[in-house]
Amino acid sequence: MKNLFLLALAIVFFSCGPALRIKIHNKTGFDVDSAGVGDKNIGSIKKDQTIIIDDCNEIEMQDNVVFGSAKGIINGEKQINEDDSLSCAMGLETIKKGEFEFDLVLIKKNDGYNLRFDKTKDVK
């Protein structure tokens, strides 16, 4: 009976996934090297690839979108989201559990291109 209890406990322990799981879909149309947000390095994401981050303890979000500048290198040029609008920490939340999906997109601006995380629109 004791062994059955330990087995059941082990199954429950090992079947519990990470508390925070983030999917990022590369919708830029390009391979992105050294992708990241804030101080977190995500690594390389191939064109149209989806990656899953489950080694993160928390994420800062504002209005259900990742808070912080998306960054990466496309065709050897560094791309950073430096939004022209005023950014502040109003409505900033520290999220420690849940599942989230974001699209990494490339935005054309007058002075070039910027990377940005958008909420995934095609979640079923």
PDB file of N, CA and C in Angstrom:
ATOM      1  N   MET A   1       0.820  -1.194   0.000  1.00  0.00           N
ATOM      2  CA  MET A   1       0.000   0.000   0.000  1.00  0.00           C
ATOM      3  C   MET A   1       0.868   1.265   0.000  1.00  0.00           C
ATOM      4  N   LYS A   2       1.943   1.191   0.797  1.00  0.00           N
ATOM      5  CA  LYS A   2       2.857   2.329   0.871  1.00  0.00           C
ATOM      6  C   LYS A   2       3.496   2.587  -0.500  1.00  0.00           C
ATOM      7  N   ASN A   3       3.902   1.526  -1.196  1.00  0.00           N
ATOM      8  CA  ASN A   3       4.506   1.655  -2.524  1.00  0.00           C
ATOM      9  C   ASN A   3       3.520   2.231  -3.534  1.00  0.00           C
ATOM     10  N   LEU A   4       2.252   1.834  -3.418  1.00  0.00           N
ATOM     11  CA  LEU A   4       1.219   2.360  -4.316  1.00  0.00           C
ATOM     12  C   LEU A   4       1.050   3.870  -4.103  1.00  0.00           C
ATOM     13  N   PHE A   5       1.064   4.290  -2.833  1.00  0.00           N
ATOM     14  CA  PHE A   5       0.957   5.716  -2.515  1.00  0.00           C
ATOM     15  C   PHE A   5       2.152   6.483  -3.088  1.00  0.00           C
ATOM     16  N   LEU A   6       3.365   5.957  -2.925  1.00  0.00           N
ATOM     17  CA  LEU A   6       4.563   6.623  -3.447  1.00  0.00           C
ATOM     18  C   LEU A   6       4.536   6.693  -4.966  1.00  0.00           C
ATOM     19  N   LEU A   7       4.049   5.626  -5.605  1.00  0.00           N
ATOM     20  CA  LEU A   7       3.926   5.620  -7.058  1.00  0.00           C
ATOM     21  C   LEU A   7       2.931   6.678  -7.523  1.00  0.00           C
ATOM     22  N   ALA A   8       1.784   6.764  -6.857  1.00  0.00           N
ATOM     23  CA  ALA A   8       0.778   7.771  -7.210  1.00  0.00           C
ATOM     24  C   ALA A   8       1.327   9.183  -7.006  1.00  0.00           C
ATOM     25  N   LEU A   9       2.051   9.390  -5.940  1.00  0.00           N
ATOM     26  CA  LEU A   9       2.656  10.692  -5.663  1.00  0.00           C
ATOM     27  C   LEU A   9       3.678  11.052  -6.737  1.00  0.00           C
ATOM     28  N   ALA A  10       4.483  10.094  -7.143  1.00  0.00           N
ATOM     29  CA  ALA A  10       5.482  10.331  -8.192  1.00  0.00           C
ATOM     30  C   ALA A  10       4.814  10.656  -9.527  1.00  0.00           C
ATOM     31  N   ILE A  11       3.739   9.960  -9.855  1.00  0.00           N
ATOM     32  CA  ILE A  11       3.028  10.230 -11.107  1.00  0.00           C
ATOM     33  C   ILE A  11       2.465  11.642 -11.101  1.00  0.00           C
ATOM     34  N   VAL A  12       1.858  12.049 -10.013  1.00  0.00           N
ATOM     35  CA  VAL A  12       1.319  13.410  -9.915  1.00  0.00           C
ATOM     36  C   VAL A  12       2.438  14.429 -10.011  1.00  0.00           C
ATOM     37  N   PHE A  13       3.540  14.200  -9.307  1.00  0.00           N
ATOM     38  CA  PHE A  13       4.660  15.145  -9.306  1.00  0.00           C
ATOM     39  C   PHE A  13       5.246  15.311 -10.702  1.00  0.00           C
ATOM     40  N   PHE A  14       5.498  14.207 -11.396  1.00  0.00           N
ATOM     41  CA  PHE A  14       6.147  14.278 -12.698  1.00  0.00           C
ATOM     42  C   PHE A  14       5.196  14.640 -13.825  1.00  0.00           C
ATOM     43  N   SER A  15       3.895  14.510 -13.618  1.00  0.00           N
ATOM     44  CA  SER A  15       2.957  14.875 -14.675  1.00  0.00           C
ATOM     45  C   SER A  15       2.612  16.357 -14.647  1.00  0.00           C
ATOM     46  N   CYS A  16       2.952  17.031 -13.581  1.00  0.00           N
ATOM     47  CA  CYS A  16       2.700  18.474 -13.503  1.00  0.00           C
ATOM     48  C   CYS A  16       3.767  19.186 -14.319  1.00  0.00           C
ATOM     49  N   GLY A  17       3.333  19.922 -15.326  1.00  0.00           N
ATOM     50  CA  GLY A  17       4.263  20.675 -16.167  1.00  0.00           C
ATOM     51  C   GLY A  17       4.673  21.964 -15.481  1.00  0.00           C
ATOM     52  N   PRO A  18       5.396  22.797 -16.204  1.00  0.00           N
ATOM     53  CA  PRO A  18       5.812  24.076 -15.635  1.00  0.00           C
ATOM     54  C   PRO A  18       4.595  24.961 -15.379  1.00  0.00           C
ATOM     55  N   ALA A  19       4.712  25.815 -14.382  1.00  0.00           N
ATOM     56  CA  ALA A  19       3.605  26.704 -14.033  1.00  0.00           C
ATOM     57  C   ALA A  19       3.400  27.783 -15.092  1.00  0.00           C
ATOM     58  N   LEU A  20       4.480  28.180 -15.777  1.00  0.00           N
ATOM     59  CA  LEU A  20       4.407  29.218 -16.799  1.00  0.00           C
ATOM     60  C   LEU A  20       4.927  28.661 -18.109  1.00  0.00           C
ATOM     61  N   ARG A  21       4.111  28.777 -19.148  1.00  0.00           N
ATOM     62  CA  ARG A  21       4.471  28.246 -20.469  1.00  0.00           C
ATOM     63  C   ARG A  21       4.128  29.308 -21.504  1.00  0.00           C
ATOM     64  N   ILE A  22       5.122  29.657 -22.318  1.00  0.00           N
ATOM     65  CA  ILE A  22       4.942  30.723 -23.310  1.00  0.00           C
ATOM     66  C   ILE A  22       5.301  30.180 -24.685  1.00  0.00           C
ATOM     67  N   LYS A  23       4.386  30.338 -25.642  1.00  0.00           N
ATOM     68  CA  LYS A  23       4.647  29.972 -27.034  1.00  0.00           C
ATOM     69  C   LYS A  23       4.881  31.255 -27.813  1.00  0.00           C
ATOM     70  N   ILE A  24       5.928  31.243 -28.630  1.00  0.00           N
ATOM     71  CA  ILE A  24       6.223  32.395 -29.481  1.00  0.00           C
ATOM     72  C   ILE A  24       6.289  31.915 -30.925  1.00  0.00           C
ATOM     73  N   HIS A  25       5.469  32.533 -31.769  1.00  0.00           N
ATOM     74  CA  HIS A  25       5.406  32.214 -33.192  1.00  0.00           C
ATOM     75  C   HIS A  25       6.168  33.295 -33.958  1.00  0.00           C
ATOM     76  N   ASN A  26       7.157  32.907 -34.745  1.00  0.00           N
ATOM     77  CA  ASN A  26       7.912  33.868 -35.548  1.00  0.00           C
ATOM     78  C   ASN A  26       7.106  34.184 -36.809  1.00  0.00           C
ATOM     79  N   LYS A  27       6.484  35.355 -36.828  1.00  0.00           N
ATOM     80  CA  LYS A  27       5.676  35.784 -37.967  1.00  0.00           C
ATOM     81  C   LYS A  27       6.355  36.937 -38.715  1.00  0.00           C
ATOM     82  N   THR A  28       7.679  37.064 -38.554  1.00  0.00           N
ATOM     83  CA  THR A  28       8.402  38.178 -39.184  1.00  0.00           C
ATOM     84  C   THR A  28       8.652  37.955 -40.666  1.00  0.00           C
ATOM     85  N   GLY A  29       8.652  36.692 -41.087  1.00  0.00           N
ATOM     86  CA  GLY A  29       9.024  36.364 -42.467  1.00  0.00           C
ATOM     87  C   GLY A  29      10.521  36.153 -42.621  1.00  0.00           C
ATOM     88  N   PHE A  30      11.269  36.212 -41.506  1.00  0.00           N
ATOM     89  CA  PHE A  30      12.725  36.057 -41.520  1.00  0.00           C
ATOM     90  C   PHE A  30      13.166  35.166 -40.367  1.00  0.00           C
ATOM     91  N   ASP A  31      14.362  34.579 -40.488  1.00  0.00           N
ATOM     92  CA  ASP A  31      15.012  33.942 -39.342  1.00  0.00           C
ATOM     93  C   ASP A  31      15.455  35.064 -38.414  1.00  0.00           C
ATOM     94  N   VAL A  32      15.262  34.879 -37.113  1.00  0.00           N
ATOM     95  CA  VAL A  32      15.671  35.887 -36.128  1.00  0.00           C
ATOM     96  C   VAL A  32      16.718  35.256 -35.225  1.00  0.00           C
ATOM     97  N   ASP A  33      17.911  35.840 -35.195  1.00  0.00           N
ATOM     98  CA  ASP A  33      18.989  35.388 -34.317  1.00  0.00           C
ATOM     99  C   ASP A  33      18.998  36.239 -33.057  1.00  0.00           C
ATOM    100  N   SER A  34      19.449  35.655 -31.963  1.00  0.00           N
ATOM    101  CA  SER A  34      19.585  36.359 -30.684  1.00  0.00           C
ATOM    102  C   SER A  34      18.294  37.060 -30.278  1.00  0.00           C
ATOM    103  N   ALA A  35      17.170  36.392 -30.479  1.00  0.00           N
ATOM    104  CA  ALA A  35      15.882  36.977 -30.102  1.00  0.00           C
ATOM    105  C   ALA A  35      15.785  37.061 -28.586  1.00  0.00           C
ATOM    106  N   GLY A  36      15.060  38.059 -28.123  1.00  0.00           N
ATOM    107  CA  GLY A  36      14.882  38.214 -26.696  1.00  0.00           C
ATOM    108  C   GLY A  36      13.881  39.284 -26.366  1.00  0.00           C
ATOM    109  N   VAL A  37      13.588  39.372 -25.089  1.00  0.00           N
ATOM    110  CA  VAL A  37      12.741  40.440 -24.570  1.00  0.00           C
ATOM    111  C   VAL A  37      13.340  40.874 -23.241  1.00  0.00           C
ATOM    112  N   GLY A  38      13.511  42.174 -23.089  1.00  0.00           N
ATOM    113  CA  GLY A  38      14.159  42.669 -21.888  1.00  0.00           C
ATOM    114  C   GLY A  38      15.532  42.047 -21.745  1.00  0.00           C
ATOM    115  N   ASP A  39      15.811  41.442 -20.593  1.00  0.00           N
ATOM    116  CA  ASP A  39      17.089  40.787 -20.347  1.00  0.00           C
ATOM    117  C   ASP A  39      17.062  39.294 -20.664  1.00  0.00           C
ATOM    118  N   LYS A  40      15.907  38.753 -21.057  1.00  0.00           N
ATOM    119  CA  LYS A  40      15.761  37.317 -21.335  1.00  0.00           C
ATOM    120  C   LYS A  40      16.122  37.020 -22.772  1.00  0.00           C
ATOM    121  N   ASN A  41      17.120  36.148 -22.966  1.00  0.00           N
ATOM    122  CA  ASN A  41      17.522  35.714 -24.306  1.00  0.00           C
ATOM    123  C   ASN A  41      16.728  34.467 -24.672  1.00  0.00           C
ATOM    124  N   ILE A  42      16.028  34.515 -25.798  1.00  0.00           N
ATOM    125  CA  ILE A  42      15.233  33.391 -26.268  1.00  0.00           C
ATOM    126  C   ILE A  42      16.063  32.497 -27.183  1.00  0.00           C
ATOM    127  N   GLY A  43      16.996  33.096 -27.924  1.00  0.00           N
ATOM    128  CA  GLY A  43      17.821  32.343 -28.864  1.00  0.00           C
ATOM    129  C   GLY A  43      17.356  32.590 -30.286  1.00  0.00           C
ATOM    130  N   SER A  44      17.698  31.685 -31.181  1.00  0.00           N
ATOM    131  CA  SER A  44      17.329  31.836 -32.592  1.00  0.00           C
ATOM    132  C   SER A  44      15.963  31.215 -32.854  1.00  0.00           C
ATOM    133  N   ILE A  45      15.183  31.886 -33.688  1.00  0.00           N
ATOM    134  CA  ILE A  45      13.870  31.393 -34.096  1.00  0.00           C
ATOM    135  C   ILE A  45      13.818  31.450 -35.616  1.00  0.00           C
ATOM    136  N   LYS A  46      13.680  30.301 -36.237  1.00  0.00           N
ATOM    137  CA  LYS A  46      13.587  30.242 -37.696  1.00  0.00           C
ATOM    138  C   LYS A  46      12.269  30.845 -38.174  1.00  0.00           C
ATOM    139  N   LYS A  47      12.268  31.286 -39.423  1.00  0.00           N
ATOM    140  CA  LYS A  47      11.063  31.820 -40.062  1.00  0.00           C
ATOM    141  C   LYS A  47       9.913  30.823 -39.903  1.00  0.00           C
ATOM    142  N   ASP A  48       8.761  31.304 -39.480  1.00  0.00           N
ATOM    143  CA  ASP A  48       7.530  30.514 -39.295  1.00  0.00           C
ATOM    144  C   ASP A  48       7.628  29.450 -38.210  1.00  0.00           C
ATOM    145  N   GLN A  49       8.687  29.450 -37.411  1.00  0.00           N
ATOM    146  CA  GLN A  49       8.855  28.476 -36.338  1.00  0.00           C
ATOM    147  C   GLN A  49       8.120  28.938 -35.080  1.00  0.00           C
ATOM    148  N   THR A  50       7.667  27.982 -34.294  1.00  0.00           N
ATOM    149  CA  THR A  50       7.090  28.257 -32.980  1.00  0.00           C
ATOM    150  C   THR A  50       8.009  27.643 -31.939  1.00  0.00           C
ATOM    151  N   ILE A  51       8.342  28.424 -30.925  1.00  0.00           N
ATOM    152  CA  ILE A  51       9.144  27.890 -29.825  1.00  0.00           C
ATOM    153  C   ILE A  51       8.324  27.950 -28.545  1.00  0.00           C
ATOM    154  N   ILE A  52       8.666  27.092 -27.624  1.00  0.00           N
ATOM    155  CA  ILE A  52       7.992  27.057 -26.330  1.00  0.00           C
ATOM    156  C   ILE A  52       9.023  27.351 -25.261  1.00  0.00           C
ATOM    157  N   ILE A  53       8.704  28.300 -24.417  1.00  0.00           N
ATOM    158  CA  ILE A  53       9.575  28.647 -23.290  1.00  0.00           C
ATOM    159  C   ILE A  53       8.874  28.153 -22.030  1.00  0.00           C
ATOM    160  N   ASP A  54       9.514  27.224 -21.339  1.00  0.00           N
ATOM    161  CA  ASP A  54       8.923  26.734 -20.097  1.00  0.00           C
ATOM    162  C   ASP A  54       9.933  26.735 -18.945  1.00  0.00           C
ATOM    163  N   ASP A  55      11.030  27.472 -19.144  1.00  0.00           N
ATOM    164  CA  ASP A  55      12.037  27.569 -18.092  1.00  0.00           C
ATOM    165  C   ASP A  55      12.058  28.961 -17.468  1.00  0.00           C
ATOM    166  N   CYS A  56      10.940  29.651 -17.588  1.00  0.00           N
ATOM    167  CA  CYS A  56      10.824  31.019 -17.096  1.00  0.00           C
ATOM    168  C   CYS A  56       9.943  30.999 -15.844  1.00  0.00           C
ATOM    169  N   ASN A  57      10.376  31.662 -14.786  1.00  0.00           N
ATOM    170  CA  ASN A  57       9.603  31.684 -13.543  1.00  0.00           C
ATOM    171  C   ASN A  57       8.509  32.735 -13.544  1.00  0.00           C
ATOM    172  N   GLU A  58       8.728  33.823 -14.281  1.00  0.00           N
ATOM    173  CA  GLU A  58       7.734  34.885 -14.332  1.00  0.00           C
ATOM    174  C   GLU A  58       7.948  35.737 -15.568  1.00  0.00           C
ATOM    175  N   ILE A  59       6.897  36.470 -15.924  1.00  0.00           N
ATOM    176  CA  ILE A  59       6.964  37.371 -17.069  1.00  0.00           C
ATOM    177  C   ILE A  59       6.183  38.629 -16.714  1.00  0.00           C
ATOM    178  N   GLU A  60       6.695  39.751 -17.157  1.00  0.00           N
ATOM    179  CA  GLU A  60       6.001  41.018 -16.953  1.00  0.00           C
ATOM    180  C   GLU A  60       5.081  41.250 -18.147  1.00  0.00           C
ATOM    181  N   MET A  61       3.819  41.563 -17.878  1.00  0.00           N
ATOM    182  CA  MET A  61       2.864  41.814 -18.952  1.00  0.00           C
ATOM    183  C   MET A  61       2.098  43.104 -18.665  1.00  0.00           C
ATOM    184  N   GLN A  62       1.723  43.765 -19.757  1.00  0.00           N
ATOM    185  CA  GLN A  62       0.896  44.965 -19.669  1.00  0.00           C
ATOM    186  C   GLN A  62      -0.167  44.845 -20.753  1.00  0.00           C
ATOM    187  N   ASP A  63      -1.424  44.935 -20.361  1.00  0.00           N
ATOM    188  CA  ASP A  63      -2.541  44.783 -21.291  1.00  0.00           C
ATOM    189  C   ASP A  63      -2.453  43.469 -22.057  1.00  0.00           C
ATOM    190  N   ASN A  64      -2.116  42.380 -21.373  1.00  0.00           N
ATOM    191  CA  ASN A  64      -2.033  41.028 -21.925  1.00  0.00           C
ATOM    192  C   ASN A  64      -0.959  40.838 -22.993  1.00  0.00           C
ATOM    193  N   VAL A  65       0.033  41.699 -23.026  1.00  0.00           N
ATOM    194  CA  VAL A  65       1.146  41.589 -23.962  1.00  0.00           C
ATOM    195  C   VAL A  65       2.441  41.668 -23.167  1.00  0.00           C
ATOM    196  N   VAL A  66       3.483  40.991 -23.665  1.00  0.00           N
ATOM    197  CA  VAL A  66       4.792  41.013 -23.007  1.00  0.00           C
ATOM    198  C   VAL A  66       5.249  42.458 -22.832  1.00  0.00           C
ATOM    199  N   PHE A  67       5.691  42.794 -21.621  1.00  0.00           N
ATOM    200  CA  PHE A  67       6.201  44.123 -21.339  1.00  0.00           C
ATOM    201  C   PHE A  67       7.714  44.104 -21.517  1.00  0.00           C
ATOM    202  N   GLY A  68       8.210  44.993 -22.317  1.00  0.00           N
ATOM    203  CA  GLY A  68       9.644  45.074 -22.579  1.00  0.00           C
ATOM    204  C   GLY A  68       9.903  45.070 -24.067  1.00  0.00           C
ATOM    205  N   SER A  69      11.068  45.476 -24.431  1.00  0.00           N
ATOM    206  CA  SER A  69      11.415  45.583 -25.842  1.00  0.00           C
ATOM    207  C   SER A  69      11.774  44.233 -26.434  1.00  0.00           C
ATOM    208  N   ALA A  70      11.103  43.884 -27.533  1.00  0.00           N
ATOM    209  CA  ALA A  70      11.489  42.695 -28.294  1.00  0.00           C
ATOM    210  C   ALA A  70      12.760  43.054 -29.046  1.00  0.00           C
ATOM    211  N   LYS A  71      13.672  42.108 -29.155  1.00  0.00           N
ATOM    212  CA  LYS A  71      14.910  42.395 -29.879  1.00  0.00           C
ATOM    213  C   LYS A  71      15.401  41.151 -30.584  1.00  0.00           C
ATOM    214  N   GLY A  72      16.258  41.353 -31.555  1.00  0.00           N
ATOM    215  CA  GLY A  72      16.823  40.249 -32.302  1.00  0.00           C
ATOM    216  C   GLY A  72      17.641  40.769 -33.468  1.00  0.00           C
ATOM    217  N   ILE A  73      18.251  39.844 -34.201  1.00  0.00           N
ATOM    218  CA  ILE A  73      19.078  40.193 -35.357  1.00  0.00           C
ATOM    219  C   ILE A  73      18.479  39.521 -36.587  1.00  0.00           C
ATOM    220  N   ILE A  74      18.190  40.335 -37.608  1.00  0.00           N
ATOM    221  CA  ILE A  74      17.644  39.838 -38.872  1.00  0.00           C
ATOM    222  C   ILE A  74      18.595  40.277 -39.973  1.00  0.00           C
ATOM    223  N   ASN A  75      19.067  39.316 -40.759  1.00  0.00           N
ATOM    224  CA  ASN A  75      20.014  39.601 -41.851  1.00  0.00           C
ATOM    225  C   ASN A  75      21.203  40.434 -41.379  1.00  0.00           C
ATOM    226  N   GLY A  76      21.702  40.121 -40.187  1.00  0.00           N
ATOM    227  CA  GLY A  76      22.883  40.799 -39.666  1.00  0.00           C
ATOM    228  C   GLY A  76      22.625  42.171 -39.069  1.00  0.00           C
ATOM    229  N   GLU A  77      21.378  42.654 -39.102  1.00  0.00           N
ATOM    230  CA  GLU A  77      21.053  43.969 -38.540  1.00  0.00           C
ATOM    231  C   GLU A  77      20.234  43.802 -37.276  1.00  0.00           C
ATOM    232  N   LYS A  78      20.647  44.501 -36.229  1.00  0.00           N
ATOM    233  CA  LYS A  78      19.956  44.436 -34.953  1.00  0.00           C
ATOM    234  C   LYS A  78      18.612  45.153 -35.061  1.00  0.00           C
ATOM    235  N   GLN A  79      17.542  44.491 -34.598  1.00  0.00           N
ATOM    236  CA  GLN A  79      16.205  45.065 -34.607  1.00  0.00           C
ATOM    237  C   GLN A  79      15.731  45.175 -33.165  1.00  0.00           C
ATOM    238  N   ILE A  80      15.271  46.352 -32.780  1.00  0.00           N
ATOM    239  CA  ILE A  80      14.775  46.556 -31.421  1.00  0.00           C
ATOM    240  C   ILE A  80      13.475  47.336 -31.503  1.00  0.00           C
ATOM    241  N   ASN A  81      12.537  46.992 -30.633  1.00  0.00           N
ATOM    242  CA  ASN A  81      11.298  47.742 -30.559  1.00  0.00           C
ATOM    243  C   ASN A  81      11.510  48.930 -29.631  1.00  0.00           C
ATOM    244  N   GLU A  82      11.642  50.087 -30.200  1.00  0.00           N
ATOM    245  CA  GLU A  82      11.705  51.318 -29.425  1.00  0.00           C
ATOM    246  C   GLU A  82      10.492  52.128 -29.819  1.00  0.00           C
ATOM    247  N   ASP A  83       9.386  51.815 -29.164  1.00  0.00           N
ATOM    248  CA  ASP A  83       8.108  52.409 -29.511  1.00  0.00           C
ATOM    249  C   ASP A  83       8.152  53.919 -29.296  1.00  0.00           C
ATOM    250  N   ASP A  84       7.537  54.643 -30.233  1.00  0.00           N
ATOM    251  CA  ASP A  84       7.487  56.103 -30.130  1.00  0.00           C
ATOM    252  C   ASP A  84       6.512  56.568 -29.058  1.00  0.00           C
ATOM    253  N   SER A  85       5.557  55.723 -28.702  1.00  0.00           N
ATOM    254  CA  SER A  85       4.575  56.129 -27.699  1.00  0.00           C
ATOM    255  C   SER A  85       5.195  56.052 -26.312  1.00  0.00           C
ATOM    256  N   LEU A  86       4.575  56.763 -25.394  1.00  0.00           N
ATOM    257  CA  LEU A  86       5.058  56.804 -24.023  1.00  0.00           C
ATOM    258  C   LEU A  86       4.771  55.470 -23.349  1.00  0.00           C
ATOM    259  N   SER A  87       5.787  54.829 -22.815  1.00  0.00           N
ATOM    260  CA  SER A  87       5.600  53.580 -22.081  1.00  0.00           C
ATOM    261  C   SER A  87       5.724  53.868 -20.597  1.00  0.00           C
ATOM    262  N   CYS A  88       4.810  53.322 -19.856  1.00  0.00           N
ATOM    263  CA  CYS A  88       4.892  53.451 -18.405  1.00  0.00           C
ATOM    264  C   CYS A  88       4.484  52.120 -17.805  1.00  0.00           C
ATOM    265  N   ALA A  89       4.580  52.008 -16.522  1.00  0.00           N
ATOM    266  CA  ALA A  89       4.321  50.734 -15.871  1.00  0.00           C
ATOM    267  C   ALA A  89       2.888  50.630 -15.350  1.00  0.00           C
ATOM    268  N   MET A  90       1.986  51.472 -15.809  1.00  0.00           N
ATOM    269  CA  MET A  90       0.585  51.359 -15.385  1.00  0.00           C
ATOM    270  C   MET A  90       0.004  50.054 -15.910  1.00  0.00           C
ATOM    271  N   GLY A  91      -0.664  49.340 -15.053  1.00  0.00           N
ATOM    272  CA  GLY A  91      -1.277  48.082 -15.455  1.00  0.00           C
ATOM    273  C   GLY A  91      -0.283  46.957 -15.609  1.00  0.00           C
ATOM    274  N   LEU A  92       0.943  47.135 -15.143  1.00  0.00           N
ATOM    275  CA  LEU A  92       1.989  46.120 -15.253  1.00  0.00           C
ATOM    276  C   LEU A  92       1.700  44.991 -14.264  1.00  0.00           C
ATOM    277  N   GLU A  93       1.743  43.755 -14.772  1.00  0.00           N
ATOM    278  CA  GLU A  93       1.499  42.580 -13.941  1.00  0.00           C
ATOM    279  C   GLU A  93       2.678  41.626 -14.028  1.00  0.00           C
ATOM    280  N   THR A  94       3.020  41.027 -12.909  1.00  0.00           N
ATOM    281  CA  THR A  94       4.000  39.947 -12.902  1.00  0.00           C
ATOM    282  C   THR A  94       3.216  38.642 -12.909  1.00  0.00           C
ATOM    283  N   ILE A  95       3.375  37.872 -13.987  1.00  0.00           N
ATOM    284  CA  ILE A  95       2.638  36.622 -14.164  1.00  0.00           C
ATOM    285  C   ILE A  95       3.565  35.455 -13.836  1.00  0.00           C
ATOM    286  N   LYS A  96       3.106  34.544 -12.988  1.00  0.00           N
ATOM    287  CA  LYS A  96       3.925  33.410 -12.581  1.00  0.00           C
ATOM    288  C   LYS A  96       3.355  32.077 -13.021  1.00  0.00           C
ATOM    289  N   LYS A  97       2.117  32.065 -13.533  1.00  0.00           N
ATOM    290  CA  LYS A  97       1.583  30.810 -14.040  1.00  0.00           C
ATOM    291  C   LYS A  97       0.549  31.075 -15.123  1.00  0.00           C
ATOM    292  N   GLY A  98       0.400  30.083 -15.974  1.00  0.00           N
ATOM    293  CA  GLY A  98      -0.546  30.182 -17.073  1.00  0.00           C
ATOM    294  C   GLY A  98       0.140  29.841 -18.386  1.00  0.00           C
ATOM    295  N   GLU A  99      -0.662  29.778 -19.445  1.00  0.00           N
ATOM    296  CA  GLU A  99      -0.149  29.522 -20.793  1.00  0.00           C
ATOM    297  C   GLU A  99      -0.487  30.720 -21.668  1.00  0.00           C
ATOM    298  N   PHE A 100       0.515  31.192 -22.404  1.00  0.00           N
ATOM    299  CA  PHE A 100       0.354  32.385 -23.232  1.00  0.00           C
ATOM    300  C   PHE A 100       0.971  32.148 -24.600  1.00  0.00           C
ATOM    301  N   GLU A 101       0.397  32.779 -25.625  1.00  0.00           N
ATOM    302  CA  GLU A 101       0.936  32.683 -26.983  1.00  0.00           C
ATOM    303  C   GLU A 101       1.078  34.086 -27.554  1.00  0.00           C
ATOM    304  N   PHE A 102       2.242  34.318 -28.185  1.00  0.00           N
ATOM    305  CA  PHE A 102       2.526  35.611 -28.789  1.00  0.00           C
ATOM    306  C   PHE A 102       3.114  35.417 -30.172  1.00  0.00           C
ATOM    307  N   ASP A 103       2.854  36.380 -31.032  1.00  0.00           N
ATOM    308  CA  ASP A 103       3.471  36.427 -32.352  1.00  0.00           C
ATOM    309  C   ASP A 103       4.611  37.431 -32.299  1.00  0.00           C
ATOM    310  N   LEU A 104       5.770  37.034 -32.787  1.00  0.00           N
ATOM    311  CA  LEU A 104       6.881  37.969 -32.967  1.00  0.00           C
ATOM    312  C   LEU A 104       6.725  38.523 -34.376  1.00  0.00           C
ATOM    313  N   VAL A 105       6.468  39.824 -34.474  1.00  0.00           N
ATOM    314  CA  VAL A 105       6.184  40.442 -35.771  1.00  0.00           C
ATOM    315  C   VAL A 105       7.192  41.556 -36.050  1.00  0.00           C
ATOM    316  N   LEU A 106       7.327  41.874 -37.325  1.00  0.00           N
ATOM    317  CA  LEU A 106       8.225  42.923 -37.784  1.00  0.00           C
ATOM    318  C   LEU A 106       7.365  44.083 -38.267  1.00  0.00           C
ATOM    319  N   ILE A 107       7.582  45.246 -37.701  1.00  0.00           N
ATOM    320  CA  ILE A 107       6.808  46.438 -38.018  1.00  0.00           C
ATOM    321  C   ILE A 107       7.679  47.394 -38.826  1.00  0.00           C
ATOM    322  N   LYS A 108       7.173  47.834 -39.996  1.00  0.00           N
ATOM    323  CA  LYS A 108       7.906  48.816 -40.802  1.00  0.00           C
ATOM    324  C   LYS A 108       7.618  50.210 -40.258  1.00  0.00           C
ATOM    325  N   LYS A 109       8.685  50.958 -40.029  1.00  0.00           N
ATOM    326  CA  LYS A 109       8.569  52.340 -39.560  1.00  0.00           C
ATOM    327  C   LYS A 109       9.336  53.233 -40.528  1.00  0.00           C
ATOM    328  N   ASN A 110       9.184  54.522 -40.374  1.00  0.00           N
ATOM    329  CA  ASN A 110       9.870  55.480 -41.250  1.00  0.00           C
ATOM    330  C   ASN A 110      11.381  55.303 -41.246  1.00  0.00           C
ATOM    331  N   ASP A 111      11.936  54.953 -40.088  1.00  0.00           N
ATOM    332  CA  ASP A 111      13.393  54.845 -39.966  1.00  0.00           C
ATOM    333  C   ASP A 111      13.892  53.403 -39.989  1.00  0.00           C
ATOM    334  N   GLY A 112      13.064  52.461 -40.455  1.00  0.00           N
ATOM    335  CA  GLY A 112      13.504  51.065 -40.541  1.00  0.00           C
ATOM    336  C   GLY A 112      12.437  50.114 -40.046  1.00  0.00           C
ATOM    337  N   TYR A 113      12.877  49.070 -39.366  1.00  0.00           N
ATOM    338  CA  TYR A 113      11.984  48.032 -38.876  1.00  0.00           C
ATOM    339  C   TYR A 113      12.175  47.827 -37.384  1.00  0.00           C
ATOM    340  N   ASN A 114      11.107  47.445 -36.709  1.00  0.00           N
ATOM    341  CA  ASN A 114      11.165  47.115 -35.291  1.00  0.00           C
ATOM    342  C   ASN A 114      10.482  45.788 -35.053  1.00  0.00           C
ATOM    343  N   LEU A 115      10.953  45.049 -34.061  1.00  0.00           N
ATOM    344  CA  LEU A 115      10.310  43.819 -33.631  1.00  0.00           C
ATOM    345  C   LEU A 115       9.312  44.131 -32.524  1.00  0.00           C
ATOM    346  N   ARG A 116       8.241  43.324 -32.484  1.00  0.00           N
ATOM    347  CA  ARG A 116       7.245  43.520 -31.443  1.00  0.00           C
ATOM    348  C   ARG A 116       6.546  42.182 -31.171  1.00  0.00           C
ATOM    349  N   PHE A 117       6.126  41.984 -29.933  1.00  0.00           N
ATOM    350  CA  PHE A 117       5.299  40.837 -29.577  1.00  0.00           C
ATOM    351  C   PHE A 117       3.843  41.279 -29.618  1.00  0.00           C
ATOM    352  N   ASP A 118       3.017  40.546 -30.370  1.00  0.00           N
ATOM    353  CA  ASP A 118       1.571  40.776 -30.402  1.00  0.00           C
ATOM    354  C   ASP A 118       0.909  39.543 -29.836  1.00  0.00           C
ATOM    355  N   LYS A 119      -0.275  39.742 -29.293  1.00  0.00           N
ATOM    356  CA  LYS A 119      -1.068  38.608 -28.848  1.00  0.00           C
ATOM    357  C   LYS A 119      -1.444  37.766 -30.056  1.00  0.00           C
ATOM    358  N   THR A 120      -1.283  36.462 -29.961  1.00  0.00           N
ATOM    359  CA  THR A 120      -1.628  35.573 -31.072  1.00  0.00           C
ATOM    360  C   THR A 120      -3.128  35.635 -31.320  1.00  0.00           C
ATOM    361  N   LYS A 121      -3.472  35.860 -32.580  1.00  0.00           N
ATOM    362  CA  LYS A 121      -4.870  36.035 -32.936  1.00  0.00           C
ATOM    363  C   LYS A 121      -5.553  34.731 -33.340  1.00  0.00           C
ATOM    364  N   ASP A 122      -4.780  33.718 -33.742  1.00  0.00           N
ATOM    365  CA  ASP A 122      -5.378  32.490 -34.255  1.00  0.00           C
ATOM    366  C   ASP A 122      -5.325  31.339 -33.248  1.00  0.00           C
ATOM    367  N   VAL A 123      -5.471  31.642 -31.966  1.00  0.00           N
ATOM    368  CA  VAL A 123      -5.488  30.599 -30.940  1.00  0.00           C
ATOM    369  C   VAL A 123      -6.858  29.936 -30.966  1.00  0.00           C
ATOM    370  N   LYS A 124      -6.866  28.617 -30.999  1.00  0.00           N
ATOM    371  CA  LYS A 124      -8.135  27.881 -31.071  1.00  0.00           C
ATOM    372  C   LYS A 124      -8.705  27.654 -29.703  1.00  0.00           C
TER     373      LYS A 124
END
